[in-house]
N, C-alpha and C. Protein backbone atom coordinates (compact mmCIF):
# COMPACT_ATOMS: atom_id res chain seq x y z
N MET A 1 -33.66 -72.66 -54.55
CA MET A 1 -32.36 -73.43 -53.84
C MET A 1 -33.04 -74.48 -52.94
N SER A 2 -32.58 -75.70 -53.32
CA SER A 2 -32.96 -76.88 -52.52
C SER A 2 -32.50 -76.93 -51.07
N LYS A 3 -33.37 -77.65 -50.45
CA LYS A 3 -33.43 -77.63 -48.89
C LYS A 3 -32.10 -78.26 -48.47
N SER A 4 -31.31 -77.78 -47.66
CA SER A 4 -29.92 -77.88 -47.31
C SER A 4 -30.02 -78.08 -45.71
N HIS A 5 -28.82 -78.78 -45.23
CA HIS A 5 -28.78 -78.47 -43.68
C HIS A 5 -27.58 -77.29 -43.34
N TRP A 6 -28.10 -76.84 -42.34
CA TRP A 6 -27.49 -75.37 -41.49
C TRP A 6 -25.85 -75.66 -41.74
N TRP A 7 -25.36 -76.74 -41.35
CA TRP A 7 -23.67 -76.81 -41.38
C TRP A 7 -23.30 -76.59 -42.93
N GLN A 8 -24.05 -77.01 -43.64
CA GLN A 8 -23.24 -76.91 -45.14
C GLN A 8 -23.19 -75.51 -45.65
N GLY A 9 -23.79 -74.57 -44.97
CA GLY A 9 -23.63 -73.26 -45.26
C GLY A 9 -24.00 -72.58 -46.43
N LYS A 10 -24.88 -73.21 -47.08
CA LYS A 10 -25.61 -72.83 -48.58
C LYS A 10 -26.20 -71.62 -48.45
N ARG A 11 -26.65 -71.10 -47.14
CA ARG A 11 -27.63 -69.83 -47.08
C ARG A 11 -26.76 -68.92 -46.38
N GLY A 12 -25.69 -69.18 -46.15
CA GLY A 12 -24.49 -67.99 -45.22
C GLY A 12 -24.73 -68.40 -43.61
N GLU A 13 -24.97 -69.66 -43.34
CA GLU A 13 -25.20 -70.11 -41.96
C GLU A 13 -23.67 -69.60 -41.31
N TRP A 14 -22.49 -69.90 -41.89
CA TRP A 14 -21.23 -69.83 -41.25
C TRP A 14 -20.95 -68.22 -40.88
N TYR A 15 -21.34 -67.37 -41.94
CA TYR A 15 -21.29 -65.88 -41.51
C TYR A 15 -21.91 -65.60 -40.17
N VAL A 16 -23.16 -66.36 -39.93
CA VAL A 16 -23.85 -65.76 -38.74
C VAL A 16 -22.99 -66.20 -37.53
N ILE A 17 -22.36 -67.48 -37.67
CA ILE A 17 -21.41 -68.04 -36.38
C ILE A 17 -20.34 -67.17 -36.28
N VAL A 18 -19.78 -66.56 -37.26
CA VAL A 18 -18.39 -65.92 -37.24
C VAL A 18 -18.88 -64.70 -36.54
N GLN A 19 -19.94 -64.02 -37.20
CA GLN A 19 -20.47 -62.73 -36.59
C GLN A 19 -20.54 -62.96 -35.14
N PHE A 20 -21.08 -63.82 -34.73
CA PHE A 20 -21.22 -63.78 -33.05
C PHE A 20 -19.95 -64.08 -32.42
N LEU A 21 -19.15 -64.85 -33.04
CA LEU A 21 -17.66 -64.99 -32.39
C LEU A 21 -17.14 -63.65 -32.10
N LEU A 22 -17.26 -63.06 -33.17
CA LEU A 22 -16.62 -61.39 -33.47
C LEU A 22 -16.97 -60.58 -32.54
N LEU A 23 -18.42 -60.68 -32.08
CA LEU A 23 -19.16 -59.76 -31.21
C LEU A 23 -18.85 -60.16 -29.83
N GLY A 24 -18.60 -61.48 -29.70
CA GLY A 24 -18.38 -62.10 -28.50
C GLY A 24 -16.89 -61.57 -27.90
N LEU A 25 -15.98 -61.69 -29.00
CA LEU A 25 -14.59 -61.04 -28.74
C LEU A 25 -14.91 -59.56 -28.41
N LEU A 26 -15.50 -58.91 -29.12
CA LEU A 26 -15.79 -57.49 -28.80
C LEU A 26 -16.03 -57.14 -27.40
N VAL A 27 -17.06 -57.98 -27.01
CA VAL A 27 -17.82 -57.75 -25.65
C VAL A 27 -17.02 -58.40 -24.51
N PHE A 28 -16.38 -59.62 -24.64
CA PHE A 28 -15.66 -60.23 -23.70
C PHE A 28 -14.07 -60.46 -24.10
N GLY A 29 -13.72 -60.03 -25.04
CA GLY A 29 -12.28 -60.47 -24.91
C GLY A 29 -11.43 -59.61 -24.38
N PRO A 30 -10.00 -59.69 -24.40
CA PRO A 30 -8.97 -58.90 -23.39
C PRO A 30 -9.22 -57.32 -24.14
N THR A 31 -8.78 -56.38 -23.16
CA THR A 31 -8.87 -55.14 -23.52
C THR A 31 -7.43 -54.42 -23.86
N THR A 32 -6.58 -55.40 -23.50
CA THR A 32 -5.13 -54.98 -23.54
C THR A 32 -4.18 -56.16 -23.71
N VAL A 33 -2.96 -55.92 -24.30
CA VAL A 33 -2.22 -57.04 -24.12
C VAL A 33 -0.71 -56.24 -23.99
N GLY A 34 0.17 -57.33 -23.36
CA GLY A 34 1.45 -56.68 -23.13
C GLY A 34 1.57 -55.38 -22.42
N ASN A 35 2.38 -54.35 -22.66
CA ASN A 35 2.58 -53.19 -21.95
C ASN A 35 1.52 -52.25 -22.35
N ILE A 36 0.73 -52.36 -23.39
CA ILE A 36 -0.18 -51.36 -23.76
C ILE A 36 -1.38 -51.19 -22.85
N PRO A 37 -1.16 -49.81 -22.38
CA PRO A 37 -2.43 -49.59 -21.29
C PRO A 37 -3.63 -49.19 -21.82
N LEU A 38 -4.52 -49.23 -21.01
CA LEU A 38 -5.69 -48.74 -21.26
C LEU A 38 -5.72 -47.22 -21.32
N TRP A 39 -6.78 -46.42 -21.99
CA TRP A 39 -6.93 -45.02 -22.24
C TRP A 39 -6.99 -44.26 -20.83
N SER A 40 -6.15 -43.09 -20.77
CA SER A 40 -6.11 -42.33 -19.40
C SER A 40 -6.84 -40.97 -19.87
N PRO A 41 -7.29 -40.20 -18.82
CA PRO A 41 -7.87 -39.06 -19.07
C PRO A 41 -7.02 -38.02 -19.90
N PRO A 42 -7.33 -37.24 -20.67
CA PRO A 42 -8.57 -36.99 -21.00
C PRO A 42 -9.22 -38.00 -21.96
N TRP A 43 -8.24 -38.89 -22.58
CA TRP A 43 -8.57 -39.76 -23.71
C TRP A 43 -9.91 -40.64 -23.24
N SER A 44 -9.77 -41.04 -22.23
CA SER A 44 -10.83 -41.86 -21.65
C SER A 44 -12.21 -41.27 -21.78
N THR A 45 -11.91 -40.01 -21.24
CA THR A 45 -13.44 -39.27 -20.96
C THR A 45 -13.99 -39.13 -22.56
N VAL A 46 -13.19 -38.85 -23.57
CA VAL A 46 -13.43 -38.41 -24.85
C VAL A 46 -14.15 -39.90 -25.33
N GLY A 47 -13.61 -40.90 -25.11
CA GLY A 47 -14.05 -42.13 -25.54
C GLY A 47 -15.27 -42.62 -24.97
N ILE A 48 -15.51 -42.50 -23.67
CA ILE A 48 -16.82 -42.55 -23.13
C ILE A 48 -17.88 -41.81 -23.86
N VAL A 49 -17.71 -40.26 -24.23
CA VAL A 49 -18.77 -39.56 -24.60
C VAL A 49 -19.08 -40.02 -26.12
N ALA A 50 -17.77 -40.25 -26.93
CA ALA A 50 -17.93 -40.47 -28.25
C ALA A 50 -18.80 -42.03 -28.22
N GLY A 51 -18.39 -42.77 -27.38
CA GLY A 51 -18.84 -44.36 -27.45
C GLY A 51 -20.19 -44.14 -27.13
N LEU A 52 -20.55 -43.33 -26.12
CA LEU A 52 -22.29 -43.42 -25.79
C LEU A 52 -23.03 -42.77 -27.34
N ILE A 53 -22.39 -41.92 -27.79
CA ILE A 53 -22.96 -41.34 -29.13
C ILE A 53 -23.24 -42.21 -30.05
N LEU A 54 -21.83 -43.00 -30.24
CA LEU A 54 -21.95 -44.14 -31.20
C LEU A 54 -22.93 -45.16 -31.14
N GLY A 55 -23.02 -45.61 -29.87
CA GLY A 55 -23.54 -46.67 -29.39
C GLY A 55 -24.98 -46.39 -29.60
N ALA A 56 -25.58 -45.28 -29.32
CA ALA A 56 -27.11 -44.86 -29.22
C ALA A 56 -27.24 -44.82 -31.02
N ILE A 57 -26.55 -44.21 -31.68
CA ILE A 57 -26.75 -44.20 -33.08
C ILE A 57 -26.75 -45.67 -33.87
N GLY A 58 -26.00 -46.33 -33.18
CA GLY A 58 -25.76 -47.97 -33.75
C GLY A 58 -27.08 -48.30 -33.27
N ALA A 59 -27.85 -48.34 -32.22
CA ALA A 59 -28.65 -48.95 -31.75
C ALA A 59 -29.92 -48.48 -32.59
N LEU A 60 -30.00 -47.43 -32.89
CA LEU A 60 -31.09 -46.70 -33.75
C LEU A 60 -31.14 -47.32 -35.01
N LEU A 61 -29.91 -47.41 -35.55
CA LEU A 61 -29.96 -47.98 -37.06
C LEU A 61 -30.29 -49.25 -37.19
N VAL A 62 -30.02 -50.30 -36.01
CA VAL A 62 -30.17 -51.42 -35.93
C VAL A 62 -32.00 -51.54 -35.74
N ALA A 63 -32.15 -50.88 -34.78
CA ALA A 63 -33.92 -50.87 -34.52
C ALA A 63 -34.51 -50.47 -35.67
N ALA A 64 -34.20 -49.58 -36.59
CA ALA A 64 -34.69 -48.75 -37.76
C ALA A 64 -34.62 -49.95 -38.92
N GLY A 65 -33.36 -50.83 -39.02
CA GLY A 65 -33.41 -51.91 -40.05
C GLY A 65 -34.17 -52.86 -39.95
N LEU A 66 -34.41 -53.31 -38.50
CA LEU A 66 -35.40 -54.09 -38.32
C LEU A 66 -36.64 -53.98 -38.65
N ILE A 67 -37.22 -53.00 -38.02
CA ILE A 67 -38.65 -52.47 -38.28
C ILE A 67 -38.74 -52.48 -40.01
N SER A 68 -37.75 -51.78 -40.80
CA SER A 68 -38.03 -51.35 -42.21
C SER A 68 -37.85 -52.77 -42.84
N LEU A 69 -37.17 -53.83 -42.31
CA LEU A 69 -37.25 -55.03 -43.00
C LEU A 69 -38.31 -56.04 -42.76
N GLY A 70 -38.98 -55.86 -41.78
CA GLY A 70 -40.18 -56.46 -41.39
C GLY A 70 -40.31 -57.78 -41.60
N ASN A 71 -41.07 -58.62 -42.51
CA ASN A 71 -41.19 -59.88 -42.42
C ASN A 71 -40.09 -60.68 -43.49
N ASN A 72 -39.49 -59.70 -44.12
CA ASN A 72 -38.09 -60.14 -44.89
C ASN A 72 -36.88 -60.66 -43.98
N LEU A 73 -37.19 -60.20 -42.84
CA LEU A 73 -36.02 -60.40 -41.78
C LEU A 73 -35.64 -62.01 -41.79
N THR A 74 -34.34 -62.14 -41.91
CA THR A 74 -33.76 -63.52 -41.63
C THR A 74 -32.62 -63.40 -41.05
N ALA A 75 -32.17 -64.62 -40.35
CA ALA A 75 -30.79 -64.51 -39.39
C ALA A 75 -29.69 -64.74 -40.53
N VAL A 76 -29.97 -65.41 -41.63
CA VAL A 76 -28.85 -65.51 -42.78
C VAL A 76 -28.86 -64.57 -43.76
N PRO A 77 -27.55 -64.17 -44.28
CA PRO A 77 -27.81 -63.21 -45.49
C PRO A 77 -28.37 -63.90 -46.79
N PHE A 78 -28.73 -65.11 -47.14
CA PHE A 78 -29.51 -65.52 -48.28
C PHE A 78 -30.97 -65.17 -47.84
N PRO A 79 -31.37 -64.23 -49.01
CA PRO A 79 -32.91 -63.71 -48.70
C PRO A 79 -33.92 -64.60 -48.70
N LYS A 80 -35.00 -64.65 -48.17
CA LYS A 80 -36.15 -65.57 -48.02
C LYS A 80 -36.69 -65.80 -49.26
N GLU A 81 -37.34 -66.72 -49.43
CA GLU A 81 -38.17 -67.12 -50.81
C GLU A 81 -39.08 -66.34 -51.35
N ASN A 82 -39.86 -65.58 -50.49
CA ASN A 82 -40.66 -64.69 -50.67
C ASN A 82 -40.38 -63.07 -50.28
N ALA A 83 -39.24 -63.14 -50.34
CA ALA A 83 -38.65 -61.89 -49.97
C ALA A 83 -39.02 -60.54 -51.02
N GLN A 84 -39.22 -59.87 -50.53
CA GLN A 84 -39.25 -58.23 -51.22
C GLN A 84 -38.36 -57.56 -51.02
N LEU A 85 -37.79 -56.59 -52.16
CA LEU A 85 -36.81 -55.80 -51.88
C LEU A 85 -37.28 -54.51 -51.31
N VAL A 86 -36.65 -54.27 -50.06
CA VAL A 86 -36.99 -52.83 -49.31
C VAL A 86 -35.74 -51.88 -49.46
N ARG A 87 -36.16 -50.66 -50.15
CA ARG A 87 -35.39 -49.64 -50.11
C ARG A 87 -35.78 -48.30 -49.57
N ASN A 88 -36.96 -48.40 -48.85
CA ASN A 88 -37.57 -47.41 -47.97
C ASN A 88 -36.98 -47.21 -46.81
N ARG A 89 -37.20 -46.13 -45.95
CA ARG A 89 -36.65 -45.88 -44.45
C ARG A 89 -35.54 -46.08 -44.43
N ALA A 90 -35.17 -46.84 -43.44
CA ALA A 90 -33.48 -46.90 -43.12
C ALA A 90 -32.87 -47.48 -44.08
N TYR A 91 -33.48 -48.18 -45.27
CA TYR A 91 -32.87 -48.94 -46.35
C TYR A 91 -32.57 -47.95 -47.44
N SER A 92 -32.95 -46.50 -47.02
CA SER A 92 -32.81 -45.40 -48.04
C SER A 92 -31.73 -44.73 -47.89
N ILE A 93 -31.24 -44.92 -46.51
CA ILE A 93 -30.03 -44.23 -46.05
C ILE A 93 -28.68 -45.02 -46.28
N VAL A 94 -29.06 -46.38 -46.04
CA VAL A 94 -27.72 -47.23 -46.15
C VAL A 94 -28.21 -48.73 -46.61
N ARG A 95 -27.58 -49.36 -47.56
CA ARG A 95 -28.08 -50.83 -47.93
C ARG A 95 -28.40 -51.77 -46.76
N HIS A 96 -27.54 -51.55 -46.13
CA HIS A 96 -27.20 -52.56 -44.81
C HIS A 96 -27.32 -52.13 -43.25
N PRO A 97 -28.59 -51.50 -42.95
CA PRO A 97 -28.80 -50.73 -41.66
C PRO A 97 -28.35 -51.65 -40.65
N ILE A 98 -29.00 -52.69 -40.58
CA ILE A 98 -28.49 -53.41 -39.31
C ILE A 98 -27.15 -53.69 -39.29
N TYR A 99 -26.48 -54.30 -40.19
CA TYR A 99 -24.88 -54.44 -40.18
C TYR A 99 -24.25 -52.86 -39.91
N SER A 100 -24.81 -51.89 -40.61
CA SER A 100 -24.19 -50.62 -40.16
C SER A 100 -24.25 -50.39 -38.56
N GLY A 101 -25.39 -50.46 -38.24
CA GLY A 101 -25.91 -50.24 -36.85
C GLY A 101 -24.71 -51.23 -35.85
N ILE A 102 -24.70 -52.38 -36.33
CA ILE A 102 -23.80 -53.16 -35.47
C ILE A 102 -22.43 -52.69 -35.32
N ILE A 103 -21.68 -52.46 -36.87
CA ILE A 103 -20.53 -51.65 -36.77
C ILE A 103 -20.37 -50.51 -36.11
N ILE A 104 -21.22 -49.49 -36.11
CA ILE A 104 -21.13 -48.33 -35.45
C ILE A 104 -21.43 -48.56 -34.00
N GLY A 105 -22.17 -49.31 -33.54
CA GLY A 105 -22.22 -49.63 -32.26
C GLY A 105 -20.90 -50.31 -31.62
N SER A 106 -20.18 -51.32 -32.49
CA SER A 106 -19.02 -52.10 -32.04
C SER A 106 -17.91 -50.88 -31.81
N PHE A 107 -17.98 -49.95 -32.57
CA PHE A 107 -16.82 -48.65 -32.43
C PHE A 107 -17.18 -47.93 -31.23
N GLY A 108 -18.50 -48.02 -30.86
CA GLY A 108 -19.10 -46.97 -29.84
C GLY A 108 -18.50 -47.79 -28.83
N LEU A 109 -19.04 -49.05 -28.33
CA LEU A 109 -18.25 -50.00 -27.43
C LEU A 109 -16.83 -49.90 -27.15
N ALA A 110 -16.17 -50.19 -28.30
CA ALA A 110 -14.61 -50.15 -28.08
C ALA A 110 -14.23 -48.74 -27.57
N LEU A 111 -14.77 -47.66 -28.03
CA LEU A 111 -14.31 -46.32 -27.41
C LEU A 111 -14.68 -46.25 -25.77
N LEU A 112 -15.98 -46.75 -25.52
CA LEU A 112 -16.29 -46.94 -24.29
C LEU A 112 -15.36 -47.75 -23.22
N ARG A 113 -14.71 -48.71 -23.82
CA ARG A 113 -13.70 -49.58 -23.13
C ARG A 113 -12.40 -49.09 -23.34
N GLY A 114 -12.13 -48.10 -24.15
CA GLY A 114 -10.83 -47.34 -24.06
C GLY A 114 -9.75 -47.95 -24.30
N SER A 115 -9.85 -48.78 -25.29
CA SER A 115 -8.71 -49.72 -25.40
C SER A 115 -8.26 -49.73 -26.88
N TRP A 116 -7.12 -49.79 -27.32
CA TRP A 116 -6.65 -49.82 -29.00
C TRP A 116 -7.14 -51.24 -29.36
N LEU A 117 -6.91 -52.17 -28.32
CA LEU A 117 -7.42 -53.53 -28.87
C LEU A 117 -8.61 -54.01 -29.29
N THR A 118 -9.55 -53.06 -28.53
CA THR A 118 -11.12 -53.18 -28.81
C THR A 118 -11.32 -52.50 -30.00
N LEU A 119 -10.61 -51.46 -30.54
CA LEU A 119 -10.77 -50.75 -31.47
C LEU A 119 -10.44 -51.57 -32.83
N LEU A 120 -9.40 -52.47 -32.58
CA LEU A 120 -9.02 -53.33 -33.65
C LEU A 120 -10.09 -54.29 -33.73
N TYR A 121 -10.66 -54.88 -32.77
CA TYR A 121 -12.07 -55.78 -32.89
C TYR A 121 -12.93 -55.25 -33.78
N ALA A 122 -13.09 -54.15 -33.29
CA ALA A 122 -14.40 -53.14 -34.14
C ALA A 122 -13.82 -53.31 -35.51
N MET A 123 -12.77 -53.18 -35.80
CA MET A 123 -12.08 -52.89 -37.22
C MET A 123 -12.34 -54.26 -38.05
N LEU A 124 -12.18 -55.18 -37.38
CA LEU A 124 -12.59 -56.84 -37.83
C LEU A 124 -13.86 -56.90 -38.16
N ILE A 125 -14.86 -56.42 -37.34
CA ILE A 125 -16.22 -56.35 -37.46
C ILE A 125 -16.78 -55.76 -38.55
N PHE A 126 -16.08 -54.58 -38.80
CA PHE A 126 -16.23 -54.03 -40.06
C PHE A 126 -15.84 -54.66 -41.48
N LEU A 127 -14.72 -55.20 -41.26
CA LEU A 127 -14.12 -56.06 -42.22
C LEU A 127 -15.06 -57.08 -42.52
N PHE A 128 -15.41 -57.54 -41.56
CA PHE A 128 -16.37 -59.05 -41.72
C PHE A 128 -17.77 -58.62 -42.51
N PHE A 129 -18.18 -57.69 -42.07
CA PHE A 129 -19.51 -57.07 -42.58
C PHE A 129 -19.46 -57.01 -43.97
N ASP A 130 -18.29 -56.01 -44.26
CA ASP A 130 -18.02 -56.05 -45.60
C ASP A 130 -18.14 -56.93 -46.42
N ILE A 131 -17.15 -58.07 -45.94
CA ILE A 131 -17.15 -59.28 -46.72
C ILE A 131 -18.33 -59.96 -46.74
N LYS A 132 -19.45 -60.23 -45.79
CA LYS A 132 -20.57 -60.88 -45.57
C LYS A 132 -21.51 -60.21 -46.56
N SER A 133 -21.44 -58.71 -46.63
CA SER A 133 -22.54 -58.00 -47.18
C SER A 133 -22.00 -58.22 -48.91
N ARG A 134 -21.19 -58.29 -49.38
CA ARG A 134 -20.69 -58.77 -50.88
C ARG A 134 -21.41 -59.91 -51.16
N LYS A 135 -21.36 -61.05 -50.48
CA LYS A 135 -21.80 -62.32 -50.75
C LYS A 135 -23.39 -62.06 -50.67
N GLU A 136 -24.09 -61.24 -49.70
CA GLU A 136 -25.31 -61.23 -49.66
C GLU A 136 -25.87 -60.26 -50.82
N GLU A 137 -25.06 -59.38 -51.20
CA GLU A 137 -25.68 -58.56 -52.38
C GLU A 137 -25.52 -59.15 -53.77
N ALA A 138 -24.62 -60.15 -53.81
CA ALA A 138 -24.52 -60.97 -54.87
C ALA A 138 -25.95 -61.94 -55.19
N TRP A 139 -26.31 -62.12 -53.90
CA TRP A 139 -27.54 -63.09 -54.00
C TRP A 139 -28.96 -62.21 -54.27
N LEU A 140 -28.73 -60.80 -53.72
CA LEU A 140 -29.80 -59.98 -53.71
C LEU A 140 -29.81 -59.66 -55.32
N SER A 141 -28.48 -59.43 -55.92
CA SER A 141 -28.48 -59.05 -57.27
C SER A 141 -29.16 -60.04 -58.36
N GLU A 142 -29.07 -61.40 -57.86
CA GLU A 142 -29.58 -62.52 -58.74
C GLU A 142 -30.98 -62.51 -58.46
N ARG A 143 -31.51 -62.07 -57.53
CA ARG A 143 -33.24 -62.27 -56.94
C ARG A 143 -33.98 -60.94 -57.37
N PHE A 144 -33.15 -59.84 -57.41
CA PHE A 144 -34.03 -58.61 -57.82
C PHE A 144 -33.24 -57.83 -58.84
N ALA A 145 -34.13 -57.73 -59.83
CA ALA A 145 -33.50 -56.89 -61.18
C ALA A 145 -33.20 -55.66 -60.83
N GLY A 146 -33.82 -54.80 -60.25
CA GLY A 146 -33.42 -53.26 -59.69
C GLY A 146 -32.26 -53.15 -58.85
N TYR A 147 -31.59 -54.10 -58.21
CA TYR A 147 -30.71 -54.07 -57.04
C TYR A 147 -29.46 -53.35 -57.55
N GLY A 148 -29.10 -53.53 -58.88
CA GLY A 148 -27.86 -52.86 -59.20
C GLY A 148 -28.16 -51.31 -59.19
N ASP A 149 -29.55 -50.86 -59.54
CA ASP A 149 -29.50 -49.39 -59.60
C ASP A 149 -29.57 -48.84 -58.02
N TYR A 150 -30.21 -49.65 -57.30
CA TYR A 150 -30.40 -49.35 -55.89
C TYR A 150 -28.90 -49.25 -55.24
N GLN A 151 -27.93 -50.03 -55.81
CA GLN A 151 -26.44 -50.25 -55.10
C GLN A 151 -25.72 -48.85 -55.71
N LYS A 152 -26.09 -48.22 -56.88
CA LYS A 152 -25.57 -46.88 -57.28
C LYS A 152 -25.95 -45.79 -56.36
N ARG A 153 -27.33 -45.77 -55.86
CA ARG A 153 -27.63 -44.72 -55.22
C ARG A 153 -27.37 -44.62 -53.79
N VAL A 154 -27.46 -45.84 -53.05
CA VAL A 154 -27.49 -45.84 -51.60
C VAL A 154 -26.06 -46.38 -51.38
N ARG A 155 -25.42 -45.72 -50.21
CA ARG A 155 -23.94 -46.50 -49.61
C ARG A 155 -24.36 -47.83 -49.13
N LYS A 156 -23.32 -48.65 -49.07
CA LYS A 156 -23.40 -50.20 -48.64
C LYS A 156 -23.53 -50.08 -46.95
N LEU A 157 -22.57 -49.57 -46.09
CA LEU A 157 -22.38 -49.81 -44.66
C LEU A 157 -22.36 -48.76 -43.77
N ILE A 158 -21.70 -47.56 -44.37
CA ILE A 158 -21.57 -46.41 -43.55
C ILE A 158 -22.44 -45.34 -44.10
N PRO A 159 -23.44 -44.74 -43.47
CA PRO A 159 -24.29 -43.94 -44.13
C PRO A 159 -23.46 -42.70 -44.78
N PHE A 160 -23.90 -42.37 -45.90
CA PHE A 160 -23.28 -41.29 -46.78
C PHE A 160 -21.85 -41.21 -47.01
N LEU A 161 -21.19 -42.41 -46.75
CA LEU A 161 -19.91 -42.69 -46.66
C LEU A 161 -19.26 -43.65 -47.74
N TYR A 162 -19.68 -44.75 -47.18
CA TYR A 162 -19.42 -46.21 -47.75
C TYR A 162 -20.36 -47.18 -47.83
């Protein structure tokens, strides 16, 4: 691929920008609109417990994905020129463990905040990473001959489910 400027988005730079905007919305956005209240006990307590559990799982997946990816790590979805296909450790559980961890952690934070609106933000983050991963997988399929077999064996975003 020829050298291009980041604003042209040829390596998926715009995905990274949108990703940070959505995560900013989740963290700093409003938790309620109109007359929709925040959750009250016992649901707020359930949300806190479940949110902490999902947050921890998400953080572990992100960390495991970063460690497993090693020198192949790049901020954009386009693979590095000298990249190797990683299929072991975290990548044997889910094809995109960093995205997966962010998604699961986003739902955890949404539950901690006890708001239907933040759950909607988390769902938007899930849909965004589903779209982003499709583009990334198209590039990975072009680069690595064995990627199709890997896709058949390992789930894309949610371990053991999706």
